[in-house]
Amino acid sequence: MARIEGANPTKTPKPIKAVLEAQVKKWGGPLLNHLLYARRPTIFRGARGMWGGLEASGLLNPALVALINRRVAALNGCEF
């Protein structure tokens, strides 16, 4: 359970809402860290920019990124 309540997805700006809706389609719900970032749109854009840049660079295999995400989630106590 997050110590800080995430943003309400229905009350976020359209670009953020689009990302959260894509997460619902892919994962079954918006990712909790993104709901937290969405409380501050500038932080949300920065975090998304980082992940988008890593993906666009082609330097990391997508399977490796998925494994890293799962490992970080596990270290943080997230049931991913």
PDB file of N, CA and C in Angstrom:
ATOM      1  N   MET A   1       0.843  -1.178   0.000  1.00  0.00           N
ATOM      2  CA  MET A   1       0.000   0.000   0.000  1.00  0.00           C
ATOM      3  C   MET A   1       0.887   1.239   0.000  1.00  0.00           C
ATOM      4  N   ALA A   2       0.581   2.177  -0.884  1.00  0.00           N
ATOM      5  CA  ALA A   2       1.364   3.394  -0.988  1.00  0.00           C
ATOM      6  C   ALA A   2       1.098   4.307   0.209  1.00  0.00           C
ATOM      7  N   ARG A   3       2.143   4.984   0.638  1.00  0.00           N
ATOM      8  CA  ARG A   3       1.990   5.930   1.737  1.00  0.00           C
ATOM      9  C   ARG A   3       1.375   7.234   1.261  1.00  0.00           C
ATOM     10  N   ILE A   4       1.525   7.515  -0.035  1.00  0.00           N
ATOM     11  CA  ILE A   4       0.956   8.721  -0.629  1.00  0.00           C
ATOM     12  C   ILE A   4      -0.081   8.275  -1.647  1.00  0.00           C
ATOM     13  N   GLU A   5      -1.256   8.839  -1.561  1.00  0.00           N
ATOM     14  CA  GLU A   5      -2.324   8.470  -2.485  1.00  0.00           C
ATOM     15  C   GLU A   5      -2.000   8.971  -3.882  1.00  0.00           C
ATOM     16  N   GLY A   6      -2.205   8.112  -4.867  1.00  0.00           N
ATOM     17  CA  GLY A   6      -1.957   8.487  -6.255  1.00  0.00           C
ATOM     18  C   GLY A   6      -3.046   9.397  -6.795  1.00  0.00           C
ATOM     19  N   ALA A   7      -2.785   9.937  -7.967  1.00  0.00           N
ATOM     20  CA  ALA A   7      -3.750  10.811  -8.633  1.00  0.00           C
ATOM     21  C   ALA A   7      -4.967  10.003  -9.073  1.00  0.00           C
ATOM     22  N   ASN A   8      -6.090  10.677  -9.163  1.00  0.00           N
ATOM     23  CA  ASN A   8      -7.302  10.071  -9.695  1.00  0.00           C
ATOM     24  C   ASN A   8      -7.169  10.066 -11.221  1.00  0.00           C
ATOM     25  N   PRO A   9      -7.100   8.889 -11.848  1.00  0.00           N
ATOM     26  CA  PRO A   9      -6.886   8.834 -13.300  1.00  0.00           C
ATOM     27  C   PRO A   9      -7.921   9.598 -14.117  1.00  0.00           C
ATOM     28  N   THR A  10      -9.133   9.706 -13.606  1.00  0.00           N
ATOM     29  CA  THR A  10     -10.170  10.399 -14.370  1.00  0.00           C
ATOM     30  C   THR A  10     -10.012  11.914 -14.314  1.00  0.00           C
ATOM     31  N   LYS A  11      -9.160  12.396 -13.425  1.00  0.00           N
ATOM     32  CA  LYS A  11      -8.979  13.844 -13.277  1.00  0.00           C
ATOM     33  C   LYS A  11      -7.581  14.308 -13.698  1.00  0.00           C
ATOM     34  N   THR A  12      -6.904  13.485 -14.496  1.00  0.00           N
ATOM     35  CA  THR A  12      -5.570  13.857 -14.950  1.00  0.00           C
ATOM     36  C   THR A  12      -5.655  14.503 -16.333  1.00  0.00           C
ATOM     37  N   PRO A  13      -4.647  15.281 -16.724  1.00  0.00           N
ATOM     38  CA  PRO A  13      -4.628  15.854 -18.081  1.00  0.00           C
ATOM     39  C   PRO A  13      -4.660  14.753 -19.145  1.00  0.00           C
ATOM     40  N   LYS A  14      -5.146  15.076 -20.329  1.00  0.00           N
ATOM     41  CA  LYS A  14      -5.338  14.083 -21.393  1.00  0.00           C
ATOM     42  C   LYS A  14      -4.087  13.253 -21.712  1.00  0.00           C
ATOM     43  N   PRO A  15      -2.896  13.852 -21.831  1.00  0.00           N
ATOM     44  CA  PRO A  15      -1.727  13.016 -22.158  1.00  0.00           C
ATOM     45  C   PRO A  15      -1.423  11.982 -21.076  1.00  0.00           C
ATOM     46  N   ILE A  16      -1.605  12.355 -19.819  1.00  0.00           N
ATOM     47  CA  ILE A  16      -1.366  11.423 -18.713  1.00  0.00           C
ATOM     48  C   ILE A  16      -2.451  10.361 -18.702  1.00  0.00           C
ATOM     49  N   LYS A  17      -3.677  10.784 -18.927  1.00  0.00           N
ATOM     50  CA  LYS A  17      -4.807   9.847 -18.961  1.00  0.00           C
ATOM     51  C   LYS A  17      -4.583   8.794 -20.048  1.00  0.00           C
ATOM     52  N   ALA A  18      -4.039   9.202 -21.193  1.00  0.00           N
ATOM     53  CA  ALA A  18      -3.792   8.260 -22.289  1.00  0.00           C
ATOM     54  C   ALA A  18      -2.771   7.196 -21.877  1.00  0.00           C
ATOM     55  N   VAL A  19      -1.725   7.611 -21.172  1.00  0.00           N
ATOM     56  CA  VAL A  19      -0.715   6.653 -20.700  1.00  0.00           C
ATOM     57  C   VAL A  19      -1.339   5.688 -19.707  1.00  0.00           C
ATOM     58  N   LEU A  20      -2.114   6.215 -18.767  1.00  0.00           N
ATOM     59  CA  LEU A  20      -2.733   5.365 -17.753  1.00  0.00           C
ATOM     60  C   LEU A  20      -3.727   4.387 -18.382  1.00  0.00           C
ATOM     61  N   GLU A  21      -4.472   4.840 -19.390  1.00  0.00           N
ATOM     62  CA  GLU A  21      -5.416   3.951 -20.070  1.00  0.00           C
ATOM     63  C   GLU A  21      -4.674   2.841 -20.823  1.00  0.00           C
ATOM     64  N   ALA A  22      -3.527   3.166 -21.406  1.00  0.00           N
ATOM     65  CA  ALA A  22      -2.721   2.142 -22.090  1.00  0.00           C
ATOM     66  C   ALA A  22      -2.225   1.109 -21.086  1.00  0.00           C
ATOM     67  N   GLN A  23      -1.886   1.563 -19.882  1.00  0.00           N
ATOM     68  CA  GLN A  23      -1.449   0.630 -18.841  1.00  0.00           C
ATOM     69  C   GLN A  23      -2.590  -0.277 -18.406  1.00  0.00           C
ATOM     70  N   VAL A  24      -3.784   0.255 -18.362  1.00  0.00           N
ATOM     71  CA  VAL A  24      -4.950  -0.568 -18.008  1.00  0.00           C
ATOM     72  C   VAL A  24      -5.115  -1.678 -19.043  1.00  0.00           C
ATOM     73  N   LYS A  25      -4.975  -1.331 -20.320  1.00  0.00           N
ATOM     74  CA  LYS A  25      -5.114  -2.336 -21.373  1.00  0.00           C
ATOM     75  C   LYS A  25      -4.013  -3.393 -21.287  1.00  0.00           C
ATOM     76  N   LYS A  26      -2.795  -2.961 -20.987  1.00  0.00           N
ATOM     77  CA  LYS A  26      -1.667  -3.889 -20.974  1.00  0.00           C
ATOM     78  C   LYS A  26      -1.556  -4.673 -19.673  1.00  0.00           C
ATOM     79  N   TRP A  27      -1.757  -4.004 -18.534  1.00  0.00           N
ATOM     80  CA  TRP A  27      -1.500  -4.623 -17.235  1.00  0.00           C
ATOM     81  C   TRP A  27      -2.751  -4.880 -16.405  1.00  0.00           C
ATOM     82  N   GLY A  28      -3.906  -4.360 -16.850  1.00  0.00           N
ATOM     83  CA  GLY A  28      -5.134  -4.561 -16.092  1.00  0.00           C
ATOM     84  C   GLY A  28      -5.442  -3.425 -15.130  1.00  0.00           C
ATOM     85  N   GLY A  29      -4.550  -2.453 -15.031  1.00  0.00           N
ATOM     86  CA  GLY A  29      -4.737  -1.288 -14.175  1.00  0.00           C
ATOM     87  C   GLY A  29      -3.550  -0.357 -14.317  1.00  0.00           C
ATOM     88  N   PRO A  30      -3.730   0.895 -13.927  1.00  0.00           N
ATOM     89  CA  PRO A  30      -2.595   1.812 -14.007  1.00  0.00           C
ATOM     90  C   PRO A  30      -1.525   1.417 -12.994  1.00  0.00           C
ATOM     91  N   LEU A  31      -0.267   1.582 -13.363  1.00  0.00           N
ATOM     92  CA  LEU A  31       0.833   1.265 -12.456  1.00  0.00           C
ATOM     93  C   LEU A  31       0.859   2.285 -11.319  1.00  0.00           C
ATOM     94  N   LEU A  32       1.017   1.788 -10.111  1.00  0.00           N
ATOM     95  CA  LEU A  32       0.934   2.658  -8.934  1.00  0.00           C
ATOM     96  C   LEU A  32       1.979   3.773  -8.946  1.00  0.00           C
ATOM     97  N   ASN A  33       3.194   3.470  -9.431  1.00  0.00           N
ATOM     98  CA  ASN A  33       4.201   4.529  -9.461  1.00  0.00           C
ATOM     99  C   ASN A  33       3.787   5.639 -10.420  1.00  0.00           C
ATOM    100  N   HIS A  34       3.113   5.294 -11.509  1.00  0.00           N
ATOM    101  CA  HIS A  34       2.663   6.315 -12.443  1.00  0.00           C
ATOM    102  C   HIS A  34       1.531   7.161 -11.852  1.00  0.00           C
ATOM    103  N   LEU A  35       0.700   6.540 -11.037  1.00  0.00           N
ATOM    104  CA  LEU A  35      -0.339   7.330 -10.362  1.00  0.00           C
ATOM    105  C   LEU A  35       0.289   8.330  -9.399  1.00  0.00           C
ATOM    106  N   LEU A  36       1.381   7.938  -8.786  1.00  0.00           N
ATOM    107  CA  LEU A  36       2.088   8.848  -7.900  1.00  0.00           C
ATOM    108  C   LEU A  36       2.731   9.972  -8.703  1.00  0.00           C
ATOM    109  N   TYR A  37       3.433   9.617  -9.789  1.00  0.00           N
ATOM    110  CA  TYR A  37       4.041  10.644 -10.644  1.00  0.00           C
ATOM    111  C   TYR A  37       2.982  11.610 -11.178  1.00  0.00           C
ATOM    112  N   ALA A  38       1.782  11.086 -11.464  1.00  0.00           N
ATOM    113  CA  ALA A  38       0.724  11.896 -12.075  1.00  0.00           C
ATOM    114  C   ALA A  38       0.236  13.017 -11.159  1.00  0.00           C
ATOM    115  N   ARG A  39       0.583  12.950  -9.878  1.00  0.00           N
ATOM    116  CA  ARG A  39       0.224  14.048  -8.973  1.00  0.00           C
ATOM    117  C   ARG A  39       0.920  15.347  -9.394  1.00  0.00           C
ATOM    118  N   ARG A  40       2.086  15.210 -10.063  1.00  0.00           N
ATOM    119  CA  ARG A  40       2.847  16.353 -10.551  1.00  0.00           C
ATOM    120  C   ARG A  40       3.179  16.090 -12.018  1.00  0.00           C
ATOM    121  N   PRO A  41       2.413  16.667 -12.937  1.00  0.00           N
ATOM    122  CA  PRO A  41       2.617  16.382 -14.365  1.00  0.00           C
ATOM    123  C   PRO A  41       4.055  16.584 -14.857  1.00  0.00           C
ATOM    124  N   THR A  42       4.780  17.542 -14.314  1.00  0.00           N
ATOM    125  CA  THR A  42       6.162  17.736 -14.763  1.00  0.00           C
ATOM    126  C   THR A  42       7.022  16.535 -14.382  1.00  0.00           C
ATOM    127  N   ILE A  43       6.794  15.978 -13.203  1.00  0.00           N
ATOM    128  CA  ILE A  43       7.538  14.787 -12.778  1.00  0.00           C
ATOM    129  C   ILE A  43       7.112  13.594 -13.627  1.00  0.00           C
ATOM    130  N   PHE A  44       5.820  13.487 -13.904  1.00  0.00           N
ATOM    131  CA  PHE A  44       5.315  12.406 -14.746  1.00  0.00           C
ATOM    132  C   PHE A  44       5.998  12.442 -16.109  1.00  0.00           C
ATOM    133  N   ARG A  45       6.046  13.625 -16.731  1.00  0.00           N
ATOM    134  CA  ARG A  45       6.670  13.751 -18.048  1.00  0.00           C
ATOM    135  C   ARG A  45       8.155  13.402 -17.992  1.00  0.00           C
ATOM    136  N   GLY A  46       8.829  13.797 -16.910  1.00  0.00           N
ATOM    137  CA  GLY A  46      10.248  13.476 -16.769  1.00  0.00           C
ATOM    138  C   GLY A  46      10.489  11.983 -16.652  1.00  0.00           C
ATOM    139  N   ALA A  47       9.701  11.307 -15.820  1.00  0.00           N
ATOM    140  CA  ALA A  47       9.858   9.861 -15.649  1.00  0.00           C
ATOM    141  C   ALA A  47       9.534   9.130 -16.945  1.00  0.00           C
ATOM    142  N   ARG A  48       8.460   9.531 -17.604  1.00  0.00           N
ATOM    143  CA  ARG A  48       8.093   8.903 -18.880  1.00  0.00           C
ATOM    144  C   ARG A  48       9.149   9.185 -19.939  1.00  0.00           C
ATOM    145  N   GLY A  49       9.729  10.373 -19.896  1.00  0.00           N
ATOM    146  CA  GLY A  49      10.784  10.715 -20.844  1.00  0.00           C
ATOM    147  C   GLY A  49      11.994   9.815 -20.680  1.00  0.00           C
ATOM    148  N   MET A  50      12.344   9.522 -19.421  1.00  0.00           N
ATOM    149  CA  MET A  50      13.479   8.642 -19.166  1.00  0.00           C
ATOM    150  C   MET A  50      13.212   7.253 -19.753  1.00  0.00           C
ATOM    151  N   TRP A  51      12.051   6.677 -19.438  1.00  0.00           N
ATOM    152  CA  TRP A  51      11.738   5.340 -19.932  1.00  0.00           C
ATOM    153  C   TRP A  51      11.590   5.331 -21.447  1.00  0.00           C
ATOM    154  N   GLY A  52      10.995   6.369 -21.995  1.00  0.00           N
ATOM    155  CA  GLY A  52      10.859   6.464 -23.448  1.00  0.00           C
ATOM    156  C   GLY A  52      12.216   6.578 -24.129  1.00  0.00           C
ATOM    157  N   GLY A  53      13.125   7.344 -23.516  1.00  0.00           N
ATOM    158  CA  GLY A  53      14.473   7.485 -24.064  1.00  0.00           C
ATOM    159  C   GLY A  53      15.238   6.180 -24.034  1.00  0.00           C
ATOM    160  N   LEU A  54      15.117   5.449 -22.941  1.00  0.00           N
ATOM    161  CA  LEU A  54      15.780   4.141 -22.868  1.00  0.00           C
ATOM    162  C   LEU A  54      15.237   3.193 -23.929  1.00  0.00           C
ATOM    163  N   GLU A  55      13.930   3.219 -24.109  1.00  0.00           N
ATOM    164  CA  GLU A  55      13.318   2.336 -25.100  1.00  0.00           C
ATOM    165  C   GLU A  55      13.745   2.737 -26.512  1.00  0.00           C
ATOM    166  N   ALA A  56      13.740   4.034 -26.790  1.00  0.00           N
ATOM    167  CA  ALA A  56      14.079   4.518 -28.129  1.00  0.00           C
ATOM    168  C   ALA A  56      15.553   4.331 -28.468  1.00  0.00           C
ATOM    169  N   SER A  57      16.403   4.315 -27.459  1.00  0.00           N
ATOM    170  CA  SER A  57      17.841   4.191 -27.716  1.00  0.00           C
ATOM    171  C   SER A  57      18.208   2.838 -28.302  1.00  0.00           C
ATOM    172  N   GLY A  58      17.434   1.826 -27.976  1.00  0.00           N
ATOM    173  CA  GLY A  58      17.725   0.492 -28.455  1.00  0.00           C
ATOM    174  C   GLY A  58      18.929  -0.145 -27.772  1.00  0.00           C
ATOM    175  N   LEU A  59      19.444   0.498 -26.721  1.00  0.00           N
ATOM    176  CA  LEU A  59      20.630  -0.011 -26.042  1.00  0.00           C
ATOM    177  C   LEU A  59      20.323  -1.189 -25.131  1.00  0.00           C
ATOM    178  N   LEU A  60      19.095  -1.260 -24.661  1.00  0.00           N
ATOM    179  CA  LEU A  60      18.714  -2.344 -23.761  1.00  0.00           C
ATOM    180  C   LEU A  60      17.664  -3.225 -24.432  1.00  0.00           C
ATOM    181  N   ASN A  61      17.880  -4.509 -24.356  1.00  0.00           N
ATOM    182  CA  ASN A  61      16.918  -5.461 -24.869  1.00  0.00           C
ATOM    183  C   ASN A  61      15.638  -5.342 -24.038  1.00  0.00           C
ATOM    184  N   PRO A  62      14.462  -5.284 -24.686  1.00  0.00           N
ATOM    185  CA  PRO A  62      13.206  -5.163 -23.932  1.00  0.00           C
ATOM    186  C   PRO A  62      13.022  -6.250 -22.868  1.00  0.00           C
ATOM    187  N   ALA A  63      13.504  -7.448 -23.127  1.00  0.00           N
ATOM    188  CA  ALA A  63      13.393  -8.520 -22.135  1.00  0.00           C
ATOM    189  C   ALA A  63      14.229  -8.193 -20.894  1.00  0.00           C
ATOM    190  N   LEU A  64      15.396  -7.594 -21.104  1.00  0.00           N
ATOM    191  CA  LEU A  64      16.245  -7.198 -19.980  1.00  0.00           C
ATOM    192  C   LEU A  64      15.573  -6.093 -19.168  1.00  0.00           C
ATOM    193  N   VAL A  65      14.962  -5.144 -19.854  1.00  0.00           N
ATOM    194  CA  VAL A  65      14.251  -4.063 -19.160  1.00  0.00           C
ATOM    195  C   VAL A  65      13.138  -4.642 -18.301  1.00  0.00           C
ATOM    196  N   ALA A  66      12.397  -5.615 -18.831  1.00  0.00           N
ATOM    197  CA  ALA A  66      11.318  -6.250 -18.062  1.00  0.00           C
ATOM    198  C   ALA A  66      11.877  -6.943 -16.826  1.00  0.00           C
ATOM    199  N   LEU A  67      12.993  -7.641 -16.976  1.00  0.00           N
ATOM    200  CA  LEU A  67      13.604  -8.314 -15.824  1.00  0.00           C
ATOM    201  C   LEU A  67      14.079  -7.305 -14.775  1.00  0.00           C
ATOM    202  N   ILE A  68      14.664  -6.221 -15.231  1.00  0.00           N
ATOM    203  CA  ILE A  68      15.128  -5.179 -14.301  1.00  0.00           C
ATOM    204  C   ILE A  68      13.939  -4.578 -13.556  1.00  0.00           C
ATOM    205  N   ASN A  69      12.868  -4.293 -14.282  1.00  0.00           N
ATOM    206  CA  ASN A  69      11.675  -3.731 -13.642  1.00  0.00           C
ATOM    207  C   ASN A  69      11.134  -4.668 -12.571  1.00  0.00           C
ATOM    208  N   ARG A  70      11.088  -5.942 -12.867  1.00  0.00           N
ATOM    209  CA  ARG A  70      10.580  -6.916 -11.891  1.00  0.00           C
ATOM    210  C   ARG A  70      11.492  -7.009 -10.673  1.00  0.00           C
ATOM    211  N   ARG A  71      12.792  -6.964 -10.913  1.00  0.00           N
ATOM    212  CA  ARG A  71      13.744  -7.044  -9.800  1.00  0.00           C
ATOM    213  C   ARG A  71      13.630  -5.814  -8.900  1.00  0.00           C
ATOM    214  N   VAL A  72      13.559  -4.643  -9.495  1.00  0.00           N
ATOM    215  CA  VAL A  72      13.418  -3.415  -8.715  1.00  0.00           C
ATOM    216  C   VAL A  72      12.107  -3.443  -7.942  1.00  0.00           C
ATOM    217  N   ALA A  73      11.040  -3.897  -8.581  1.00  0.00           N
ATOM    218  CA  ALA A  73       9.743  -3.995  -7.902  1.00  0.00           C
ATOM    219  C   ALA A  73       9.850  -4.932  -6.696  1.00  0.00           C
ATOM    220  N   ALA A  74      10.508  -6.066  -6.887  1.00  0.00           N
ATOM    221  CA  ALA A  74      10.652  -7.019  -5.788  1.00  0.00           C
ATOM    222  C   ALA A  74      11.474  -6.419  -4.640  1.00  0.00           C
ATOM    223  N   LEU A  75      12.524  -5.711  -4.982  1.00  0.00           N
ATOM    224  CA  LEU A  75      13.358  -5.072  -3.938  1.00  0.00           C
ATOM    225  C   LEU A  75      12.566  -4.023  -3.147  1.00  0.00           C
ATOM    226  N   ASN A  76      11.583  -3.417  -3.805  1.00  0.00           N
ATOM    227  CA  ASN A  76      10.754  -2.406  -3.168  1.00  0.00           C
ATOM    228  C   ASN A  76       9.515  -2.989  -2.510  1.00  0.00           C
ATOM    229  N   GLY A  77       9.401  -4.304  -2.505  1.00  0.00           N
ATOM    230  CA  GLY A  77       8.257  -4.937  -1.855  1.00  0.00           C
ATOM    231  C   GLY A  77       6.989  -4.923  -2.693  1.00  0.00           C
ATOM    232  N   CYS A  78       7.126  -4.658  -3.976  1.00  0.00           N
ATOM    233  CA  CYS A  78       5.965  -4.634  -4.869  1.00  0.00           C
ATOM    234  C   CYS A  78       5.737  -6.038  -5.406  1.00  0.00           C
ATOM    235  N   GLU A  79       4.501  -6.447  -5.500  1.00  0.00           N
ATOM    236  CA  GLU A  79       4.171  -7.784  -5.978  1.00  0.00           C
ATOM    237  C   GLU A  79       4.075  -7.847  -7.493  1.00  0.00           C
ATOM    238  N   PHE A  80       4.409  -6.812  -8.193  1.00  0.00           N
ATOM    239  CA  PHE A  80       4.431  -6.661  -9.632  1.00  0.00           C
ATOM    240  C   PHE A  80       3.630  -7.671 -10.324  1.00  0.00           C
TER     241      PHE A  80
END
